[in-house]
Structures are given as structure tokens and as C-alpha cells.
Amino acid sequence: MKKGKRLLAALLVLVMSLALAACGTDKKESEGTKKEDSKKLSGTLKVIATSENYQPLFDKFTEEVGPKVEFISMSSGEVLSKLKAEGGTPAADLWFGGGIDAFMDAKENNLLEKVDFDAADDLAADYKDSENYWFSKGITVVGFIVNNDILKEKGLEAPKSWDDLTKPEYKGEILMSNPAISGTNYAVVNALLQTKGDAGWDYFNKLNENITYYSKRGADPSTKVAAGEVAIGITYIDGTLDELKETADVSIVYPTDGMPYVPEGVAAFANAENTEAAKAFIEWFYSDDENMKQLAEIDQKNTCLLVKPGIKGLELDFDQSQLMKEDLSLFGKERTAILEKWNTLMGDKGEE
């Protein structure tokens, strides 16, 4: 009898021990889940981006990190002007895309937030700020787009070089975006001034004679050439132009005397409402190659490979030797002086 009682008592102790262990495991799993959930950020990340095509990339960020995303459309020149006019109070938290000259200028005016993270060490030194105030997500290369129907109608040959654009026969047939607004076309001006030296401004005075007006958006030259409004556009070159080639008789020209290029920036704004989310996005984006591959697919170009050379599975769409030799540090330093002189040259041709 005593032996049976002892056995029953032992079984009760065993059952209670298993029950307590199970409760402890459930508690730990519950605490672990809560701890994991607490890592996700809340709130909204407001993003100034050059296109809402980046939505899938930011949807992935929301899913993995937490914050919802709102887009604000604004060119790099507009961002900088607005920031300065409003005393450095940003309308957004994250700046994603646009010419790096504006980012350099913003850093000098204490408008950006420093972002340190481990993966920054994997980025090429030429495509990030030495103090981690801005980073590049790729580069924009610039050439020409031409409307073959207009050229044929007017008996014109397509331009092959930047110097060709100053020929008198192209008067009124060239469209360029305003460099004070478009970071892409500011890059054109700065790069050609570096390349041509003392003859640079004389070149732009001649080019100005062939341009009726300067459009506001960087995409205008390509879309308006495709629409038949002008024969020649100074434009960024990427896979998006292939869509225009399907709807209009247009051709892309890689200038024989080199392609200007400009890195496209990414930065967190200082004094923003959700700086934490902006910094989290930057670390998240550059820390996973799959994020950058998704960007390459959206942008329809693989120039993020120049920024992070270690990415596997991507190849450049052009020969790097075609790029003009540029001192990128001058893009920010010379911006104000160049644009002041440009505005005088342009006069009232700038589109409002």
C-alpha cells in the first residue's frame, strides 16, 4: 500500500513539473514574441522621392520594419530651396533620389542627419559622404533622345556629340530641363564646365541660342521628344526610355565625347518628425543586397553596382569608360555660383 502511495506521489510530482515547464515555455515564447514585436517601429515615414514607382520597395520596408510610408513628389532643387526658405524644417523624414549636389549643399547647411551603420563600410567611397550624412543609390547618366520623324521631316541628322548641339540648324529643336531645378541637368552643366574649362560658358551661351525654353522636370525632354514637340532632348538614359521607343519613333544617342553622370542621393533630414524611421530605412536598405536588386529592377538600371560593388547577379548596362571624368566634390561646392551665372544666361526661358 505504502509502495502504491509513493508511486502515486511521484507521478503527481512529475505531472506538476511538466505543467510548470510548459507554462514557463509558453511564458518565454510569449515574452519572446512581445520582444520581437517591440523591435518594429511605429508611425509614418514621409519620403521625398523622385517617383512613386518605389512603392514596392517601401512596402517591403513597412512589412519588415514597421512604419507606414507616405510619398511627397519634389525635385532635388525644389527640396533644397524649400528647406532653406523654411529655416531647415523638413516636410519629410527621408530624402530618396535626386542629384547629389543638392545633398552636398544640404549637408553644408546642417540640414541632414548623420547615419552610422555597419554596411556603410561596404559602399564605395566615391558614392557616400565621408561622414555618413548622405549615400548614393546609383548614378544617372545623361545623353540625348531624338525624334526620328522630325529630323527626317526637317532634313537634319541626329547629333553625335555635345558640340553638335550648338549647330545653328538645331535652333528651336532642343529641350533641356532647368539645372536650377533638375539635379540631372545641373550635373550636365557642371560636368561640361569641368571638361571644357575656360570655354565652358561660351559653349552654354551657344547652346542657349538653340533652346526655346527650359522645362521644369527631368523627364520632360524625353516625353516631349516622344510626343513630337521637339526633335532633340537632353535626358537621363535608362531602361524607362525603352517604353517610349515602343510608342514613338525615337532613338537614344550616347554622346561620343562622353556622358555626364550624377550620383543619386539618399539621406535622413535633420529635425524631422520621424528621424528614427528614416535612419532605420537607410540601414535596412543598404544592409541587404536583395533590397538593392529590387531597386535596380524598379529603376531599370544596375548602377547601384557602382555604389556597392559586392552585389552578385548584376551587370552594368554601359562601359564605364564612356563616363566623363568628374570631380564630384565640385558638384556641391560650385552649385550656388554656377546656378547664379546660369540664371543670368537663361533669362526668362525657365518654365515656372
Protein backbone atom coordinates (compact mmCIF):
# COMPACT_ATOMS: atom_id res chain seq x y z
CA MET A 1 0.00 0.00 0.00
CA LYS A 2 2.76 2.38 1.01
CA LYS A 3 4.59 1.48 -2.16
CA GLY A 4 1.47 2.41 -4.21
CA LYS A 5 1.15 5.76 -2.43
CA ARG A 6 4.77 6.54 -3.05
CA LEU A 7 4.31 5.78 -6.77
CA LEU A 8 1.20 7.96 -6.96
CA ALA A 9 3.01 10.83 -5.24
CA ALA A 10 5.90 10.54 -7.67
CA LEU A 11 3.53 10.62 -10.63
CA LEU A 12 1.83 13.76 -9.25
CA VAL A 13 5.19 15.49 -8.84
CA LEU A 14 6.13 14.55 -12.41
CA VAL A 15 2.85 15.87 -13.84
CA MET A 16 3.15 19.15 -11.90
CA SER A 17 6.76 19.57 -13.06
CA LEU A 18 5.77 19.07 -16.69
CA ALA A 19 2.90 21.51 -16.33
CA LEU A 20 5.15 24.16 -14.78
CA ALA A 21 7.75 23.62 -17.50
CA ALA A 22 5.10 24.02 -20.17
CA CYS A 23 3.86 27.23 -18.58
CA GLY A 24 7.41 28.50 -18.39
CA THR A 25 7.96 27.70 -22.07
CA ASP A 26 4.71 29.42 -23.03
CA LYS A 27 5.71 32.43 -20.96
CA LYS A 28 9.14 32.59 -22.57
CA GLU A 29 7.65 32.21 -26.06
CA SER A 30 5.12 34.94 -25.27
CA GLU A 31 7.84 37.21 -23.93
CA GLY A 32 9.99 36.43 -26.97
CA THR A 33 7.14 37.30 -29.32
CA LYS A 34 6.50 40.54 -27.47
CA LYS A 35 10.19 41.36 -27.55
CA GLU A 36 10.33 40.64 -31.31
CA ASP A 37 7.25 42.77 -31.94
CA SER A 38 8.74 45.62 -29.92
CA LYS A 39 11.63 45.82 -32.40
CA LYS A 40 9.28 47.05 -35.10
CA LEU A 41 8.98 50.81 -35.40
CA SER A 42 5.68 52.63 -35.46
CA GLY A 43 4.41 55.82 -37.02
CA THR A 44 4.72 57.09 -40.57
CA LEU A 45 7.84 57.59 -42.68
CA LYS A 46 7.39 60.56 -45.01
CA VAL A 47 9.57 60.22 -48.09
CA ILE A 48 10.53 62.75 -50.73
CA ALA A 49 11.17 60.61 -53.80
CA THR A 50 11.58 61.22 -57.50
CA SER A 51 8.94 58.60 -58.30
CA GLU A 52 6.14 56.62 -56.64
CA ASN A 53 7.41 53.59 -58.54
CA TYR A 54 9.43 52.86 -55.41
CA GLN A 55 6.25 51.83 -53.58
CA PRO A 56 7.03 48.06 -53.68
CA LEU A 57 10.44 48.67 -52.07
CA PHE A 58 8.91 50.74 -49.29
CA ASP A 59 6.07 48.24 -48.86
CA LYS A 60 8.74 45.64 -48.10
CA PHE A 61 10.29 48.03 -45.56
CA THR A 62 6.90 48.53 -43.89
CA GLU A 63 6.37 44.77 -43.71
CA GLU A 64 9.80 44.07 -42.21
CA VAL A 65 10.42 47.16 -40.08
CA GLY A 66 7.01 48.69 -39.35
CA PRO A 67 6.45 52.32 -40.34
CA LYS A 68 3.87 53.15 -42.97
CA VAL A 69 5.15 55.27 -45.86
CA GLU A 70 3.83 58.45 -47.46
CA PHE A 71 5.38 59.86 -50.64
CA ILE A 72 5.96 63.52 -51.46
CA SER A 73 6.96 64.32 -55.05
CA MET A 74 9.61 67.03 -55.37
CA SER A 75 12.77 67.58 -57.42
CA SER A 76 16.13 67.90 -55.66
CA GLY A 77 16.38 71.63 -56.40
CA GLU A 78 12.90 72.22 -55.01
CA VAL A 79 13.71 70.26 -51.85
CA LEU A 80 16.78 72.36 -51.16
CA SER A 81 15.05 75.67 -51.88
CA LYS A 82 12.10 74.74 -49.66
CA LEU A 83 14.35 73.63 -46.80
CA LYS A 84 16.32 76.85 -46.83
CA ALA A 85 13.21 79.00 -47.18
CA GLU A 86 11.56 77.30 -44.20
CA GLY A 87 14.57 77.56 -41.91
CA GLY A 88 15.56 73.90 -42.12
CA THR A 89 12.19 72.45 -41.07
CA PRO A 90 11.67 69.48 -43.39
CA ALA A 91 8.35 68.38 -44.85
CA ALA A 92 9.56 64.77 -44.78
CA ASP A 93 11.85 62.39 -42.89
CA LEU A 94 13.74 60.70 -45.74
CA TRP A 95 15.17 62.04 -48.99
CA PHE A 96 15.34 59.29 -51.62
CA GLY A 97 16.78 60.19 -55.02
CA GLY A 98 17.85 63.37 -56.78
CA GLY A 99 21.20 64.86 -57.77
CA ILE A 100 23.95 64.56 -55.16
CA ASP A 101 24.86 68.26 -55.50
CA ALA A 102 21.73 69.18 -53.55
CA PHE A 103 22.60 66.65 -50.84
CA MET A 104 26.12 68.10 -50.56
CA ASP A 105 24.67 71.58 -50.26
CA ALA A 106 22.17 70.39 -47.65
CA LYS A 107 24.94 68.84 -45.57
CA GLU A 108 26.94 72.08 -45.61
CA ASN A 109 23.84 73.87 -44.32
CA ASN A 110 23.31 71.34 -41.47
CA LEU A 111 20.06 70.07 -42.97
CA LEU A 112 20.91 66.35 -42.88
CA GLU A 113 21.18 63.76 -40.11
CA LYS A 114 24.30 61.62 -39.67
CA VAL A 115 23.55 57.90 -40.12
CA ASP A 116 26.14 55.36 -38.98
CA PHE A 117 25.65 51.64 -39.68
CA ASP A 118 27.90 48.64 -40.32
CA ALA A 119 27.01 48.12 -44.01
CA ALA A 120 28.22 51.64 -44.82
CA ASP A 121 31.73 50.18 -44.86
CA ASP A 122 30.76 48.08 -47.91
CA LEU A 123 29.86 51.13 -50.02
CA ALA A 124 32.36 52.68 -52.45
CA ALA A 125 34.00 55.78 -51.01
CA ASP A 126 33.20 57.86 -54.11
CA TYR A 127 29.48 57.28 -53.61
CA LYS A 128 28.96 58.20 -49.97
CA ASP A 129 29.70 61.12 -47.72
CA SER A 130 32.88 60.58 -45.70
CA GLU A 131 30.94 61.38 -42.51
CA ASN A 132 27.81 59.39 -43.42
CA TYR A 133 25.43 62.31 -43.94
CA TRP A 134 24.40 61.10 -47.40
CA PHE A 135 24.73 57.98 -49.52
CA SER A 136 24.19 57.21 -53.19
CA LYS A 137 21.72 54.66 -54.52
CA GLY A 138 23.17 54.65 -58.05
CA ILE A 139 24.03 57.13 -60.76
CA THR A 140 22.14 58.86 -63.55
CA VAL A 141 23.91 59.03 -66.90
CA VAL A 142 22.96 61.64 -69.49
CA GLY A 143 22.79 61.62 -73.28
CA PHE A 144 20.27 62.54 -75.99
CA ILE A 145 16.92 61.30 -77.22
CA VAL A 146 15.87 62.23 -80.77
CA ASN A 147 12.61 62.12 -82.69
CA ASN A 148 13.48 60.47 -85.98
CA ASP A 149 10.31 61.67 -87.74
CA ILE A 150 11.04 65.32 -87.00
CA LEU A 151 14.68 65.01 -88.00
CA LYS A 152 13.68 63.37 -91.29
CA GLU A 153 10.98 65.97 -91.95
CA LYS A 154 13.45 68.82 -91.43
CA GLY A 155 16.36 67.16 -93.17
CA LEU A 156 18.51 67.01 -90.04
CA GLU A 157 20.97 64.41 -88.86
CA ALA A 158 20.95 63.26 -85.26
CA PRO A 159 23.61 64.94 -83.08
CA LYS A 160 26.52 62.70 -82.16
CA SER A 161 28.29 64.88 -79.59
CA TRP A 162 27.71 67.71 -77.13
CA ASP A 163 29.44 70.09 -79.53
CA ASP A 164 26.95 69.15 -82.25
CA LEU A 165 24.12 70.63 -80.16
CA THR A 166 25.41 74.16 -80.82
CA LYS A 167 24.98 73.85 -84.61
CA PRO A 168 22.63 76.57 -85.99
CA GLU A 169 20.41 74.02 -87.74
CA TYR A 170 19.17 72.81 -84.35
CA LYS A 171 17.81 76.21 -83.32
CA GLY A 172 14.48 75.74 -81.50
CA GLU A 173 14.74 71.95 -81.69
CA ILE A 174 16.48 71.18 -78.36
CA LEU A 175 14.88 70.79 -74.94
CA MET A 176 16.76 70.73 -71.65
CA SER A 177 15.43 70.84 -68.09
CA ASN A 178 16.29 73.78 -65.87
CA PRO A 179 19.52 72.93 -63.98
CA ALA A 180 18.35 75.01 -61.02
CA ILE A 181 15.52 72.50 -60.53
CA SER A 182 16.73 69.29 -62.13
CA GLY A 183 19.73 67.67 -60.46
CA THR A 184 20.33 65.65 -63.62
CA ASN A 185 20.79 68.72 -65.77
CA TYR A 186 22.82 70.56 -63.15
CA ALA A 187 25.17 67.57 -63.47
CA VAL A 188 25.33 68.21 -67.22
CA VAL A 189 26.31 71.83 -66.67
CA ASN A 190 28.91 71.10 -64.01
CA ALA A 191 30.44 68.15 -65.88
CA LEU A 192 30.73 70.07 -69.16
CA LEU A 193 32.23 73.08 -67.36
CA GLN A 194 34.82 70.77 -65.82
CA THR A 195 35.52 69.16 -69.19
CA LYS A 196 35.64 72.34 -71.29
CA GLY A 197 37.36 74.58 -68.76
CA ASP A 198 37.55 78.23 -69.81
CA ALA A 199 35.46 77.55 -72.92
CA GLY A 200 32.60 76.11 -70.87
CA TRP A 201 30.40 79.18 -70.51
CA ASP A 202 30.96 80.13 -74.14
CA TYR A 203 29.62 76.66 -75.01
CA PHE A 204 26.46 77.15 -72.94
CA ASN A 205 25.83 80.57 -74.44
CA LYS A 206 25.82 78.94 -77.88
CA LEU A 207 23.63 76.08 -76.70
CA ASN A 208 21.21 78.55 -75.15
CA GLU A 209 20.59 80.08 -78.59
CA ASN A 210 19.17 76.73 -79.76
CA ILE A 211 16.85 76.23 -76.76
CA THR A 212 13.46 77.96 -76.69
CA TYR A 213 12.73 77.18 -73.03
CA TYR A 214 13.99 75.07 -70.12
CA SER A 215 11.45 72.64 -68.71
CA LYS A 216 10.83 72.02 -65.04
CA ARG A 217 11.08 68.24 -64.76
CA GLY A 218 13.99 65.99 -65.66
CA ALA A 219 11.61 63.65 -67.50
CA ASP A 220 10.21 66.39 -69.76
CA PRO A 221 12.84 66.24 -72.56
CA SER A 222 12.26 62.53 -73.21
CA THR A 223 8.46 62.64 -73.01
CA LYS A 224 8.14 65.80 -75.09
CA VAL A 225 10.52 64.48 -77.76
CA ALA A 226 8.44 61.30 -77.94
CA ALA A 227 5.30 63.44 -78.22
CA GLY A 228 6.81 65.28 -81.20
CA GLU A 229 7.10 68.70 -79.53
CA VAL A 230 10.84 68.98 -80.22
CA ALA A 231 13.41 66.97 -82.13
CA ILE A 232 16.16 66.58 -79.51
CA GLY A 233 16.11 66.17 -75.74
CA ILE A 234 18.96 66.17 -73.23
CA THR A 235 17.94 63.29 -71.00
CA TYR A 236 18.89 60.65 -68.47
CA ILE A 237 19.41 57.24 -70.08
CA ASP A 238 17.92 54.12 -68.51
CA GLY A 239 15.52 51.30 -69.26
CA THR A 240 12.44 53.50 -68.89
CA LEU A 241 13.20 55.05 -72.28
CA ASP A 242 12.56 51.68 -73.91
CA GLU A 243 8.86 52.21 -73.19
CA LEU A 244 8.94 55.44 -75.24
CA LYS A 245 10.61 53.60 -78.11
CA GLU A 246 7.60 51.30 -78.25
CA THR A 247 5.17 54.18 -78.80
CA ALA A 248 7.21 56.65 -80.87
CA ASP A 249 10.00 56.62 -83.46
CA VAL A 250 12.75 57.83 -81.13
CA SER A 251 16.41 56.86 -80.74
CA ILE A 252 18.88 57.13 -77.88
CA VAL A 253 22.27 58.74 -78.52
CA TYR A 254 25.33 58.12 -76.34
CA PRO A 255 27.49 61.24 -76.96
CA THR A 256 30.86 60.41 -78.46
CA ASP A 257 32.57 63.00 -76.26
CA GLY A 258 31.36 61.37 -73.04
CA MET A 259 28.35 61.06 -70.77
CA PRO A 260 27.90 63.35 -67.79
CA TYR A 261 26.70 61.50 -64.73
CA VAL A 262 25.47 62.31 -61.25
CA PRO A 263 25.09 60.09 -58.18
CA GLU A 264 21.56 59.92 -56.81
CA GLY A 265 21.37 60.64 -53.10
CA VAL A 266 19.73 59.12 -50.04
CA ALA A 267 19.67 60.91 -46.68
CA ALA A 268 17.75 61.45 -43.47
CA PHE A 269 16.60 65.01 -42.80
CA ALA A 270 17.69 66.74 -39.61
CA ASN A 271 14.90 67.95 -37.30
CA ALA A 272 12.37 65.60 -38.93
CA GLU A 273 9.30 64.17 -37.19
CA ASN A 274 10.43 60.56 -37.61
CA THR A 275 14.20 60.62 -37.92
CA GLU A 276 14.39 57.19 -36.28
CA ALA A 277 12.40 55.61 -39.12
CA ALA A 278 14.47 57.42 -41.78
CA LYS A 279 17.72 56.15 -40.26
CA ALA A 280 16.23 52.67 -39.93
CA PHE A 281 15.33 52.66 -43.63
CA ILE A 282 18.84 53.65 -44.70
CA GLU A 283 20.41 50.86 -42.63
CA TRP A 284 17.79 48.36 -43.83
CA PHE A 285 18.19 49.32 -47.48
CA TYR A 286 21.99 49.08 -47.70
CA SER A 287 22.35 46.05 -45.42
CA ASP A 288 20.57 43.60 -47.72
CA ASP A 289 21.63 43.14 -51.36
CA GLU A 290 18.12 41.94 -52.22
CA ASN A 291 16.80 45.42 -51.43
CA MET A 292 19.29 46.98 -53.83
CA LYS A 293 18.45 44.40 -56.51
CA GLN A 294 14.80 45.35 -56.15
CA LEU A 295 15.80 48.99 -56.61
CA ALA A 296 17.71 48.08 -59.80
CA GLU A 297 14.58 46.42 -61.16
CA ILE A 298 12.43 49.46 -60.35
CA ASP A 299 14.93 51.97 -61.75
CA GLN A 300 15.56 49.72 -64.77
CA LYS A 301 19.30 50.20 -64.42
CA ASN A 302 22.05 48.48 -62.46
CA THR A 303 24.16 51.46 -61.39
CA CYS A 304 23.67 50.57 -57.71
CA LEU A 305 26.50 48.14 -58.52
CA LEU A 306 28.88 51.12 -58.61
CA VAL A 307 27.77 52.05 -55.10
CA LYS A 308 28.03 48.54 -53.65
CA PRO A 309 30.40 46.57 -55.90
CA GLY A 310 29.89 43.34 -53.97
CA ILE A 311 26.32 42.79 -55.20
CA LYS A 312 26.08 39.47 -57.08
CA GLY A 313 23.94 38.94 -60.16
CA LEU A 314 24.02 42.48 -61.63
CA GLU A 315 25.95 43.89 -64.59
CA LEU A 316 26.36 47.48 -65.79
CA ASP A 317 24.45 48.42 -68.93
CA PHE A 318 27.27 50.59 -70.32
CA ASP A 319 31.03 50.84 -70.48
CA GLN A 320 32.36 52.93 -67.58
CA SER A 321 34.93 54.45 -69.96
CA GLN A 322 32.02 56.36 -71.56
CA LEU A 323 31.56 58.41 -68.40
CA MET A 324 33.06 61.89 -68.28
CA LYS A 325 35.86 62.46 -65.81
CA GLU A 326 34.27 64.44 -62.98
CA ASP A 327 35.35 65.78 -59.62
CA LEU A 328 32.15 65.10 -57.68
CA SER A 329 33.27 67.26 -54.77
CA LEU A 330 32.80 70.30 -57.02
CA PHE A 331 29.13 69.50 -57.58
CA GLY A 332 28.21 70.83 -54.16
CA LYS A 333 30.93 73.47 -53.71
CA GLU A 334 30.25 75.22 -57.02
CA ARG A 335 26.47 74.84 -57.09
CA THR A 336 25.45 78.31 -55.92
CA ALA A 337 27.96 80.18 -58.09
CA ILE A 338 27.15 78.11 -61.19
CA LEU A 339 23.40 78.47 -60.83
CA GLU A 340 23.62 82.22 -60.29
CA LYS A 341 25.52 82.53 -63.54
CA TRP A 342 23.17 80.08 -65.23
CA ASN A 343 20.07 82.06 -64.23
CA THR A 344 21.56 85.14 -65.86
CA LEU A 345 22.30 83.19 -69.04
CA MET A 346 18.85 81.55 -69.10
CA GLY A 347 16.95 84.78 -68.53
CA ASP A 348 13.19 84.28 -68.73
CA LYS A 349 13.37 80.92 -70.54
CA GLY A 350 12.87 78.91 -67.37
CA GLU A 351 9.50 77.18 -67.13
CA GLU A 352 7.57 78.21 -64.00
